[in-house]
Amino acid sequence: MFNRSTALLTVLFAISFGSRMVSATPLVSPSASVQSPQSALFAQNRLIRKDGGPDQLMKQLNLTSQQQQQLTAIRQKYQGQMEQLREQLRKNQAELRTMMDGTTPANTITAKHDQIIGLRQQLDKLRFQSMLESREVLNPDQRKQFAQIMNQRRAKIRSRMGDRLPPDLDTQP
């Protein structure tokens, strides 16, 4: 439960402050008519952007210019590393899908899957570090207000997406 809550907070914080996110792509063929968690996350990101994105959130939280600068610096600090990991993750996920469709031996597929798990863990650690640093910039009242705003946005997302929402995003922290 802790991991799920932590992941949710990290996702919401990263999206809210402008980072992009990549979710795991399920091991289904590309022709399957199931919406992937990745598609749902991109849809969620579009919904949040309609709510004004990070600039609107900063206004709602009534951040000082110093706090805004600190959060921007934190986002920039992690952005390059996270993008590299996301690209590696996408590449490895595509390779895994190709392996699953072909005649690749099971041990090779398992090794690729383990590599993907490692990349996800690295990305999660960076997101968490970014979230912790960002959290320190907010005062206790802003943290409470941020949680309320995120709860409202999650409710909007759930109402618009219904059953298509990935399970990790449908849990309350």
Protein backbone atom coordinates (compact mmCIF):
# COMPACT_ATOMS: atom_id res chain seq x y z
CA MET A 1 0.00 0.00 0.00
CA PHE A 2 2.88 2.37 0.83
CA ASN A 3 4.40 1.87 -2.62
CA ARG A 4 1.09 2.50 -4.33
CA SER A 5 0.46 5.68 -2.33
CA THR A 6 4.00 6.85 -2.84
CA ALA A 7 3.77 6.21 -6.57
CA LEU A 8 0.49 8.11 -6.76
CA LEU A 9 1.88 11.11 -4.91
CA THR A 10 4.98 11.08 -7.06
CA VAL A 11 2.97 10.89 -10.27
CA LEU A 12 0.69 13.69 -9.25
CA PHE A 13 3.50 15.90 -8.04
CA ALA A 14 5.59 15.29 -11.16
CA ILE A 15 2.68 15.97 -13.49
CA SER A 16 1.56 19.00 -11.55
CA PHE A 17 4.94 20.63 -11.66
CA GLY A 18 5.54 20.00 -15.34
CA SER A 19 7.42 16.73 -15.60
CA ARG A 20 6.30 14.16 -18.05
CA MET A 21 5.70 10.60 -17.06
CA VAL A 22 5.86 7.20 -18.67
CA SER A 23 3.96 4.26 -17.36
CA ALA A 24 4.53 0.61 -17.95
CA THR A 25 3.23 -0.64 -21.24
CA PRO A 26 1.31 -3.88 -20.86
CA LEU A 27 2.46 -6.99 -22.63
CA VAL A 28 -0.32 -7.08 -25.18
CA SER A 29 0.02 -6.92 -28.89
CA PRO A 30 -0.16 -3.44 -30.40
CA SER A 31 -3.34 -4.44 -32.23
CA ALA A 32 -5.23 -5.13 -29.00
CA SER A 33 -8.17 -2.84 -28.40
CA VAL A 34 -7.39 -2.27 -24.72
CA GLN A 35 -6.38 1.19 -23.59
CA SER A 36 -2.95 1.02 -22.01
CA PRO A 37 -2.11 2.66 -18.70
CA GLN A 38 0.27 4.86 -20.67
CA SER A 39 -2.63 6.16 -22.79
CA ALA A 40 -4.65 6.79 -19.66
CA LEU A 41 -1.76 8.74 -18.13
CA PHE A 42 -1.42 10.88 -21.23
CA ALA A 43 -5.17 11.52 -21.07
CA GLN A 44 -4.78 12.43 -17.40
CA ASN A 45 -1.94 14.80 -18.25
CA ARG A 46 -4.18 16.53 -20.82
CA LEU A 47 -6.92 16.89 -18.20
CA ILE A 48 -4.51 18.43 -15.73
CA ARG A 49 -3.21 20.82 -18.37
CA LYS A 50 -6.81 21.97 -18.96
CA ASP A 51 -6.82 22.85 -15.27
CA GLY A 52 -3.99 25.29 -15.91
CA GLY A 53 -0.92 23.13 -15.38
CA PRO A 54 1.95 24.09 -13.10
CA ASP A 55 1.51 27.85 -13.52
CA GLN A 56 -2.10 27.75 -12.35
CA LEU A 57 -1.16 25.41 -9.52
CA MET A 58 1.56 27.80 -8.37
CA LYS A 59 -1.01 30.61 -8.31
CA GLN A 60 -3.50 28.47 -6.38
CA LEU A 61 -0.85 27.62 -3.81
CA ASN A 62 0.05 31.29 -3.56
CA LEU A 63 3.76 30.54 -3.91
CA THR A 64 6.29 33.29 -3.47
CA SER A 65 8.59 34.07 -6.36
CA GLN A 66 11.40 32.42 -4.40
CA GLN A 67 9.35 29.22 -4.01
CA GLN A 68 8.51 29.25 -7.73
CA GLN A 69 12.19 29.62 -8.59
CA GLN A 70 13.12 26.80 -6.21
CA LEU A 71 10.51 24.45 -7.71
CA THR A 72 11.60 25.33 -11.24
CA ALA A 73 15.22 24.61 -10.31
CA ILE A 74 14.25 21.26 -8.79
CA ARG A 75 12.27 20.31 -11.90
CA GLN A 76 15.20 21.26 -14.14
CA LYS A 77 17.65 19.38 -11.93
CA TYR A 78 15.84 16.09 -12.50
CA GLN A 79 14.35 16.62 -15.95
CA GLY A 80 17.35 15.47 -18.02
CA GLN A 81 18.02 12.35 -15.97
CA MET A 82 14.35 11.40 -15.98
CA GLU A 83 14.01 11.91 -19.73
CA GLN A 84 17.02 9.67 -20.39
CA LEU A 85 15.55 6.94 -18.19
CA ARG A 86 12.13 7.28 -19.84
CA GLU A 87 13.72 6.93 -23.28
CA GLN A 88 15.66 3.84 -22.16
CA LEU A 89 12.46 2.45 -20.67
CA ARG A 90 10.49 3.02 -23.90
CA LYS A 91 13.26 1.38 -25.94
CA ASN A 92 13.44 -1.64 -23.66
CA GLN A 93 9.65 -2.01 -23.55
CA ALA A 94 9.55 -2.01 -27.36
CA GLU A 95 12.30 -4.64 -27.42
CA LEU A 96 10.38 -6.76 -24.92
CA ARG A 97 7.20 -6.57 -27.01
CA THR A 98 9.18 -7.68 -30.05
CA MET A 99 10.72 -10.55 -28.07
CA MET A 100 7.29 -11.66 -26.86
CA ASP A 101 5.98 -11.78 -30.42
CA GLY A 102 8.95 -13.77 -31.70
CA THR A 103 10.86 -16.89 -30.80
CA THR A 104 13.22 -15.39 -28.25
CA PRO A 105 14.13 -17.83 -25.43
CA ALA A 106 12.36 -17.30 -22.12
CA ASN A 107 15.57 -16.57 -20.21
CA THR A 108 16.41 -13.69 -22.58
CA ILE A 109 12.89 -12.29 -22.20
CA THR A 110 13.17 -12.58 -18.42
CA ALA A 111 16.49 -10.70 -18.46
CA LYS A 112 14.93 -7.90 -20.53
CA HIS A 113 11.99 -7.75 -18.11
CA ASP A 114 14.40 -7.49 -15.18
CA GLN A 115 16.18 -4.65 -16.98
CA ILE A 116 12.86 -2.83 -17.40
CA ILE A 117 12.05 -3.30 -13.71
CA GLY A 118 15.43 -1.78 -12.82
CA LEU A 119 14.82 1.23 -15.06
CA ARG A 120 11.39 1.77 -13.52
CA GLN A 121 12.91 1.65 -10.05
CA GLN A 122 15.55 4.20 -11.00
CA LEU A 123 12.87 6.47 -12.46
CA ASP A 124 10.69 6.05 -9.37
CA LYS A 125 13.64 6.94 -7.12
CA LEU A 126 14.31 10.12 -9.09
CA ARG A 127 10.64 11.08 -8.99
CA PHE A 128 10.54 10.46 -5.26
CA GLN A 129 13.71 12.50 -4.67
CA SER A 130 12.23 15.31 -6.74
CA MET A 131 8.97 15.11 -4.82
CA LEU A 132 10.76 15.24 -1.46
CA GLU A 133 12.83 18.24 -2.49
CA SER A 134 9.74 20.00 -3.86
CA ARG A 135 7.80 19.20 -0.72
CA GLU A 136 10.40 20.99 1.39
CA VAL A 137 9.76 24.20 -0.55
CA LEU A 138 6.08 24.24 0.48
CA ASN A 139 4.95 25.34 3.91
CA PRO A 140 2.49 23.11 5.84
CA ASP A 141 -0.57 25.09 4.69
CA GLN A 142 0.53 24.87 1.05
CA ARG A 143 1.06 21.12 1.42
CA LYS A 144 -2.51 20.74 2.70
CA GLN A 145 -3.86 22.92 -0.08
CA PHE A 146 -1.84 20.97 -2.65
CA ALA A 147 -3.35 17.71 -1.36
CA GLN A 148 -6.87 19.18 -1.65
CA ILE A 149 -6.24 20.37 -5.22
CA MET A 150 -4.89 16.96 -6.19
CA ASN A 151 -7.92 15.23 -4.65
CA GLN A 152 -10.21 17.46 -6.71
CA ARG A 153 -8.24 16.76 -9.89
CA ARG A 154 -8.27 13.01 -9.23
CA ALA A 155 -12.05 13.17 -8.78
CA LYS A 156 -12.40 14.97 -12.14
CA ILE A 157 -10.14 12.44 -13.82
CA ARG A 158 -12.06 9.50 -12.36
CA SER A 159 -15.38 10.95 -13.48
CA ARG A 160 -14.09 11.51 -17.03
CA MET A 161 -12.16 8.28 -17.41
CA GLY A 162 -14.21 5.86 -15.36
CA ASP A 163 -13.04 2.27 -15.75
CA ARG A 164 -10.17 3.26 -18.04
CA LEU A 165 -8.20 4.76 -15.14
CA PRO A 166 -5.17 2.63 -14.17
CA PRO A 167 -5.59 1.09 -10.71
CA ASP A 168 -2.59 2.93 -9.23
CA LEU A 169 -4.16 6.28 -10.03
CA ASP A 170 -7.54 5.33 -8.64
CA THR A 171 -6.35 4.92 -5.07
CA GLN A 172 -6.37 7.65 -2.52
CA PRO A 173 -3.06 8.33 -0.75
